[in-house]
N, C-alpha and C. Protein backbone atom coordinates (compact mmCIF):
# COMPACT_ATOMS: atom_id res chain seq x y z
N MET A 1 -2.34 -3.12 -5.85
CA MET A 1 -2.68 -2.51 -4.59
C MET A 1 -2.01 -1.16 -4.52
N ASN A 2 -2.71 -0.21 -4.00
CA ASN A 2 -2.17 1.12 -3.83
C ASN A 2 -1.78 1.27 -2.38
N CYS A 3 -0.49 1.32 -2.12
CA CYS A 3 0.00 1.34 -0.74
C CYS A 3 -0.44 2.57 0.01
N ALA A 4 -0.45 3.70 -0.64
CA ALA A 4 -0.83 4.92 0.05
C ALA A 4 -2.27 4.85 0.55
N ARG A 5 -3.15 4.26 -0.22
CA ARG A 5 -4.53 4.15 0.21
C ARG A 5 -4.70 3.10 1.28
N ARG A 6 -3.86 2.11 1.31
CA ARG A 6 -3.94 1.06 2.31
C ARG A 6 -3.71 1.62 3.69
N GLY A 7 -2.90 2.67 3.83
CA GLY A 7 -2.61 3.23 5.14
C GLY A 7 -1.22 2.86 5.61
N ALA A 8 -0.55 1.95 4.96
CA ALA A 8 0.78 1.55 5.38
C ALA A 8 1.77 2.68 5.18
N VAL A 9 1.45 3.58 4.29
CA VAL A 9 2.36 4.68 4.00
C VAL A 9 2.16 5.82 4.97
N HIS A 10 0.92 6.26 5.11
CA HIS A 10 0.65 7.46 5.87
C HIS A 10 -0.14 7.19 7.15
N GLY A 11 -0.34 5.94 7.50
CA GLY A 11 -1.02 5.61 8.74
C GLY A 11 -2.52 5.73 8.70
N GLY A 12 -3.11 5.98 7.53
CA GLY A 12 -4.55 6.10 7.42
C GLY A 12 -5.21 4.74 7.45
N GLY A 13 -6.49 4.72 7.60
CA GLY A 13 -7.19 3.45 7.67
C GLY A 13 -8.10 3.22 6.48
N ALA A 14 -7.82 3.85 5.36
CA ALA A 14 -8.69 3.71 4.19
C ALA A 14 -8.67 2.28 3.67
N PRO A 15 -9.78 1.80 3.16
CA PRO A 15 -9.81 0.46 2.58
C PRO A 15 -8.84 0.37 1.41
N PRO A 16 -8.30 -0.78 1.15
CA PRO A 16 -7.29 -0.93 0.12
C PRO A 16 -7.87 -0.85 -1.28
N VAL A 17 -7.05 -0.44 -2.20
CA VAL A 17 -7.36 -0.50 -3.61
C VAL A 17 -6.31 -1.41 -4.20
N ARG A 18 -6.72 -2.56 -4.67
CA ARG A 18 -5.75 -3.54 -5.15
C ARG A 18 -5.31 -3.20 -6.56
N GLU A 19 -4.03 -2.93 -6.69
CA GLU A 19 -3.39 -2.70 -7.97
C GLU A 19 -2.04 -3.37 -7.91
N GLU A 20 -1.53 -3.74 -9.04
CA GLU A 20 -0.19 -4.30 -9.05
C GLU A 20 0.82 -3.18 -8.91
N VAL A 21 1.79 -3.37 -8.05
CA VAL A 21 2.86 -2.40 -7.86
C VAL A 21 4.15 -3.10 -8.21
N MET A 22 4.97 -2.42 -9.00
CA MET A 22 6.24 -3.02 -9.40
C MET A 22 7.07 -3.37 -8.18
N ASP A 23 7.60 -4.56 -8.15
CA ASP A 23 8.50 -4.95 -7.08
C ASP A 23 9.92 -4.90 -7.63
N ILE A 24 10.61 -3.82 -7.32
CA ILE A 24 11.97 -3.65 -7.82
C ILE A 24 12.96 -3.59 -6.67
N SER A 25 12.57 -4.15 -5.54
CA SER A 25 13.41 -4.07 -4.35
C SER A 25 14.74 -4.79 -4.54
N THR A 26 14.84 -5.64 -5.56
CA THR A 26 16.10 -6.33 -5.79
C THR A 26 17.18 -5.39 -6.30
N GLU A 27 16.78 -4.20 -6.77
CA GLU A 27 17.75 -3.23 -7.27
C GLU A 27 18.49 -2.51 -6.15
N ILE A 28 18.00 -2.57 -4.95
CA ILE A 28 18.57 -1.82 -3.85
C ILE A 28 18.50 -2.65 -2.58
N GLN A 29 19.49 -2.52 -1.75
CA GLN A 29 19.49 -3.23 -0.47
C GLN A 29 18.69 -2.42 0.54
N ILE A 30 17.73 -3.07 1.16
CA ILE A 30 17.00 -2.40 2.23
C ILE A 30 17.28 -3.13 3.53
N ASP A 31 17.08 -2.43 4.61
CA ASP A 31 17.33 -2.98 5.94
C ASP A 31 16.17 -3.91 6.29
N ARG A 32 16.41 -5.22 6.23
CA ARG A 32 15.36 -6.21 6.47
C ARG A 32 14.80 -6.12 7.89
N ALA A 33 15.67 -5.81 8.87
CA ALA A 33 15.19 -5.69 10.25
C ALA A 33 14.22 -4.50 10.37
N GLU A 34 14.53 -3.40 9.70
CA GLU A 34 13.65 -2.23 9.70
C GLU A 34 12.33 -2.56 8.99
N LEU A 35 12.42 -3.29 7.89
CA LEU A 35 11.22 -3.71 7.16
C LEU A 35 10.31 -4.52 8.07
N GLU A 36 10.85 -5.51 8.75
CA GLU A 36 10.05 -6.36 9.63
C GLU A 36 9.48 -5.56 10.80
N ARG A 37 10.25 -4.59 11.32
CA ARG A 37 9.75 -3.75 12.41
C ARG A 37 8.54 -2.95 11.94
N ARG A 38 8.63 -2.37 10.73
CA ARG A 38 7.51 -1.61 10.20
C ARG A 38 6.29 -2.49 9.95
N VAL A 39 6.52 -3.70 9.47
CA VAL A 39 5.40 -4.62 9.22
C VAL A 39 4.71 -4.95 10.54
N VAL A 40 5.49 -5.28 11.56
CA VAL A 40 4.92 -5.61 12.87
C VAL A 40 4.17 -4.40 13.44
N ASP A 41 4.77 -3.21 13.31
CA ASP A 41 4.10 -2.00 13.81
C ASP A 41 2.75 -1.79 13.11
N TYR A 42 2.72 -1.92 11.79
CA TYR A 42 1.48 -1.67 11.06
C TYR A 42 0.44 -2.75 11.32
N THR A 43 0.85 -4.01 11.34
CA THR A 43 -0.13 -5.08 11.51
C THR A 43 -0.70 -5.12 12.93
N GLY A 44 -0.13 -4.35 13.83
CA GLY A 44 -0.67 -4.24 15.18
C GLY A 44 -1.65 -3.10 15.36
N THR A 45 -1.95 -2.37 14.29
CA THR A 45 -2.83 -1.21 14.40
C THR A 45 -4.30 -1.58 14.21
N ALA A 46 -5.15 -0.69 14.68
CA ALA A 46 -6.59 -0.86 14.48
C ALA A 46 -6.93 -0.76 12.99
N ALA A 47 -6.18 0.06 12.26
CA ALA A 47 -6.42 0.21 10.81
C ALA A 47 -6.24 -1.12 10.10
N PHE A 48 -5.23 -1.90 10.49
CA PHE A 48 -5.00 -3.20 9.86
C PHE A 48 -6.13 -4.16 10.20
N GLN A 49 -6.61 -4.13 11.45
CA GLN A 49 -7.72 -4.99 11.85
C GLN A 49 -8.99 -4.63 11.07
N GLU A 50 -9.22 -3.33 10.87
CA GLU A 50 -10.36 -2.89 10.06
C GLU A 50 -10.20 -3.37 8.63
N TRP A 51 -8.97 -3.31 8.13
CA TRP A 51 -8.70 -3.73 6.77
C TRP A 51 -8.97 -5.23 6.61
N LEU A 52 -8.62 -6.03 7.61
CA LEU A 52 -8.92 -7.46 7.56
C LEU A 52 -10.43 -7.69 7.50
N ALA A 53 -11.18 -6.92 8.28
CA ALA A 53 -12.63 -7.04 8.25
C ALA A 53 -13.18 -6.66 6.88
N ASP A 54 -12.62 -5.60 6.28
CA ASP A 54 -13.03 -5.19 4.94
C ASP A 54 -12.71 -6.27 3.91
N ALA A 55 -11.55 -6.91 4.06
CA ALA A 55 -11.17 -7.98 3.13
C ALA A 55 -12.14 -9.16 3.25
N ALA A 56 -12.51 -9.51 4.47
CA ALA A 56 -13.48 -10.60 4.67
C ALA A 56 -14.83 -10.22 4.05
N ASP A 57 -15.23 -8.96 4.21
CA ASP A 57 -16.49 -8.50 3.60
C ASP A 57 -16.42 -8.58 2.07
N ALA A 58 -15.25 -8.31 1.51
CA ALA A 58 -15.09 -8.38 0.05
C ALA A 58 -15.27 -9.82 -0.43
N TYR A 59 -14.74 -10.79 0.31
CA TYR A 59 -14.96 -12.19 -0.04
C TYR A 59 -16.46 -12.51 -0.04
N ARG A 60 -17.14 -12.08 1.02
CA ARG A 60 -18.57 -12.35 1.14
C ARG A 60 -19.36 -11.70 0.00
N ALA A 61 -18.99 -10.46 -0.34
CA ALA A 61 -19.69 -9.73 -1.40
C ALA A 61 -19.54 -10.42 -2.76
N MET A 62 -18.42 -11.12 -2.95
CA MET A 62 -18.20 -11.84 -4.20
C MET A 62 -18.76 -13.26 -4.15
N GLY A 63 -19.35 -13.62 -3.02
CA GLY A 63 -19.93 -14.95 -2.88
C GLY A 63 -18.89 -16.04 -2.68
N LEU A 64 -17.70 -15.66 -2.25
CA LEU A 64 -16.62 -16.63 -2.03
C LEU A 64 -16.55 -16.99 -0.55
N PRO A 65 -16.06 -18.19 -0.25
CA PRO A 65 -15.87 -18.54 1.17
C PRO A 65 -14.77 -17.68 1.77
N VAL A 66 -14.99 -17.23 2.99
CA VAL A 66 -14.01 -16.40 3.68
C VAL A 66 -12.97 -17.31 4.31
N PRO A 67 -11.68 -17.06 4.00
CA PRO A 67 -10.63 -17.88 4.63
C PRO A 67 -10.62 -17.67 6.15
N SER A 68 -9.98 -18.58 6.84
CA SER A 68 -9.86 -18.43 8.30
C SER A 68 -9.09 -17.15 8.60
N TYR A 69 -9.27 -16.67 9.82
CA TYR A 69 -8.60 -15.43 10.25
C TYR A 69 -7.09 -15.55 10.04
N GLU A 70 -6.51 -16.69 10.39
CA GLU A 70 -5.06 -16.88 10.29
C GLU A 70 -4.60 -16.80 8.84
N VAL A 71 -5.36 -17.43 7.93
CA VAL A 71 -5.00 -17.40 6.51
C VAL A 71 -5.14 -15.99 5.96
N LEU A 72 -6.24 -15.34 6.28
CA LEU A 72 -6.48 -13.98 5.82
C LEU A 72 -5.39 -13.03 6.34
N ARG A 73 -5.06 -13.16 7.60
CA ARG A 73 -4.02 -12.31 8.20
C ARG A 73 -2.67 -12.56 7.54
N ALA A 74 -2.33 -13.81 7.26
CA ALA A 74 -1.05 -14.12 6.62
C ALA A 74 -0.99 -13.53 5.21
N GLU A 75 -2.08 -13.67 4.45
CA GLU A 75 -2.13 -13.11 3.10
C GLU A 75 -1.95 -11.60 3.13
N GLU A 76 -2.67 -10.95 4.02
CA GLU A 76 -2.63 -9.49 4.06
C GLU A 76 -1.32 -8.98 4.66
N THR A 77 -0.71 -9.74 5.55
CA THR A 77 0.60 -9.36 6.08
C THR A 77 1.65 -9.41 4.98
N ASP A 78 1.57 -10.41 4.10
CA ASP A 78 2.48 -10.47 2.95
C ASP A 78 2.29 -9.26 2.05
N GLU A 79 1.04 -8.87 1.84
CA GLU A 79 0.73 -7.69 1.02
C GLU A 79 1.31 -6.43 1.66
N VAL A 80 1.16 -6.29 2.96
CA VAL A 80 1.71 -5.14 3.69
C VAL A 80 3.24 -5.13 3.55
N ARG A 81 3.86 -6.30 3.67
CA ARG A 81 5.32 -6.39 3.57
C ARG A 81 5.79 -5.89 2.19
N ARG A 82 5.13 -6.34 1.12
CA ARG A 82 5.50 -5.88 -0.23
C ARG A 82 5.32 -4.37 -0.36
N CYS A 83 4.24 -3.88 0.18
CA CYS A 83 3.93 -2.46 0.10
C CYS A 83 4.99 -1.62 0.84
N ILE A 84 5.31 -2.01 2.05
CA ILE A 84 6.30 -1.26 2.83
C ILE A 84 7.68 -1.40 2.21
N GLU A 85 7.99 -2.56 1.65
CA GLU A 85 9.27 -2.75 0.97
C GLU A 85 9.39 -1.78 -0.21
N ASN A 86 8.32 -1.65 -1.00
CA ASN A 86 8.34 -0.70 -2.11
C ASN A 86 8.48 0.73 -1.61
N LEU A 87 7.83 1.06 -0.51
CA LEU A 87 7.96 2.38 0.08
C LEU A 87 9.41 2.64 0.50
N MET A 88 10.05 1.65 1.11
CA MET A 88 11.44 1.82 1.55
C MET A 88 12.37 2.02 0.35
N VAL A 89 12.08 1.37 -0.76
CA VAL A 89 12.87 1.59 -1.98
C VAL A 89 12.69 3.04 -2.43
N CYS A 90 11.44 3.53 -2.40
CA CYS A 90 11.19 4.92 -2.78
C CYS A 90 11.90 5.89 -1.84
N GLU A 91 11.93 5.57 -0.55
CA GLU A 91 12.62 6.43 0.40
C GLU A 91 14.11 6.50 0.08
N ALA A 92 14.67 5.40 -0.42
CA ALA A 92 16.10 5.35 -0.72
C ALA A 92 16.44 5.91 -2.10
N LYS A 93 15.58 5.66 -3.09
CA LYS A 93 15.90 6.02 -4.47
C LYS A 93 15.07 7.16 -5.03
N GLY A 94 13.97 7.49 -4.40
CA GLY A 94 13.06 8.49 -4.94
C GLY A 94 11.88 7.82 -5.63
N HIS A 95 10.82 8.59 -5.78
CA HIS A 95 9.59 8.07 -6.39
C HIS A 95 9.70 8.00 -7.90
N LEU A 96 8.89 7.14 -8.51
CA LEU A 96 8.76 7.04 -9.97
C LEU A 96 7.43 7.71 -10.34
N TRP A 97 7.46 9.03 -10.50
CA TRP A 97 6.25 9.80 -10.68
C TRP A 97 5.66 9.67 -12.08
N THR A 98 4.35 9.60 -12.13
CA THR A 98 3.56 9.71 -13.36
C THR A 98 2.61 10.87 -13.13
N GLU A 99 2.48 11.74 -14.12
CA GLU A 99 1.63 12.92 -13.96
C GLU A 99 0.34 12.80 -14.76
N ARG A 100 -0.76 13.20 -14.11
CA ARG A 100 -2.05 13.36 -14.78
C ARG A 100 -2.41 14.83 -14.64
N ALA A 101 -2.33 15.56 -15.74
CA ALA A 101 -2.58 16.99 -15.71
C ALA A 101 -4.05 17.29 -16.02
N ASP A 102 -4.55 18.34 -15.41
CA ASP A 102 -5.89 18.86 -15.67
C ASP A 102 -5.72 20.34 -16.01
N PRO A 103 -5.38 20.66 -17.28
CA PRO A 103 -5.10 22.04 -17.65
C PRO A 103 -6.30 22.98 -17.46
N GLU A 104 -7.50 22.44 -17.58
CA GLU A 104 -8.68 23.28 -17.42
C GLU A 104 -8.76 23.86 -16.01
N ASN A 105 -8.35 23.10 -15.01
CA ASN A 105 -8.39 23.55 -13.62
C ASN A 105 -7.03 23.95 -13.08
N GLY A 106 -5.98 23.80 -13.89
CA GLY A 106 -4.64 24.18 -13.45
C GLY A 106 -4.09 23.30 -12.34
N THR A 107 -4.37 22.00 -12.41
CA THR A 107 -3.87 21.07 -11.40
C THR A 107 -3.22 19.87 -12.05
N SER A 108 -2.39 19.21 -11.28
CA SER A 108 -1.78 17.96 -11.70
C SER A 108 -1.79 17.01 -10.50
N THR A 109 -1.89 15.74 -10.80
CA THR A 109 -1.75 14.72 -9.77
C THR A 109 -0.55 13.87 -10.15
N LEU A 110 0.41 13.81 -9.25
CA LEU A 110 1.56 12.94 -9.44
C LEU A 110 1.32 11.68 -8.64
N SER A 111 1.52 10.53 -9.26
CA SER A 111 1.38 9.27 -8.53
C SER A 111 2.62 8.42 -8.78
N CYS A 112 3.08 7.77 -7.74
CA CYS A 112 4.27 6.93 -7.84
C CYS A 112 3.87 5.55 -8.33
N ARG A 113 4.54 5.11 -9.39
CA ARG A 113 4.25 3.78 -9.96
C ARG A 113 4.75 2.67 -9.05
N ARG A 114 5.63 2.99 -8.12
CA ARG A 114 6.22 1.97 -7.26
C ARG A 114 5.45 1.79 -5.97
N CYS A 115 5.18 2.87 -5.23
CA CYS A 115 4.59 2.72 -3.90
C CYS A 115 3.16 3.24 -3.80
N GLY A 116 2.69 3.96 -4.83
CA GLY A 116 1.32 4.45 -4.83
C GLY A 116 1.11 5.80 -4.19
N ALA A 117 2.17 6.45 -3.70
CA ALA A 117 2.02 7.78 -3.10
C ALA A 117 1.48 8.75 -4.13
N GLU A 118 0.72 9.75 -3.68
CA GLU A 118 0.17 10.75 -4.58
C GLU A 118 0.47 12.15 -4.04
N GLU A 119 0.72 13.06 -4.97
CA GLU A 119 0.89 14.47 -4.67
C GLU A 119 -0.06 15.24 -5.58
N HIS A 120 -0.72 16.24 -5.03
CA HIS A 120 -1.64 17.07 -5.81
C HIS A 120 -1.06 18.47 -5.90
N LEU A 121 -0.91 18.95 -7.14
CA LEU A 121 -0.28 20.25 -7.38
C LEU A 121 -1.27 21.20 -8.04
N ARG A 122 -1.17 22.46 -7.69
CA ARG A 122 -1.95 23.50 -8.35
C ARG A 122 -0.95 24.45 -8.98
N TRP A 123 -1.18 24.80 -10.25
CA TRP A 123 -0.25 25.69 -10.95
C TRP A 123 -0.98 26.78 -11.67
């Protein structure tokens, strides 16, 4: 899952892109109360409700039974928690950037392997 695209990072409502993100939060202590506050804040947004609807549509598109609202919400809340936890680690330790350069156009895209944040550079 890409946290930045999910909207948990920047407050956007873009549909999620599921990718595995390294969970290295055990390397650093994060404020659990702050983590839970951020999770509650995000899961109360319209963007999260839209994301739940998109997740249900994805189940339908694959021909799978859609879990109950409570089950779907619990699954996605856990995903949000992991995403925000990784973001908090990045806030404390810095991003783990990977660069994709486009020398023909003089641009680079930096993406964080931990939280999914992206930066676009022109050089």
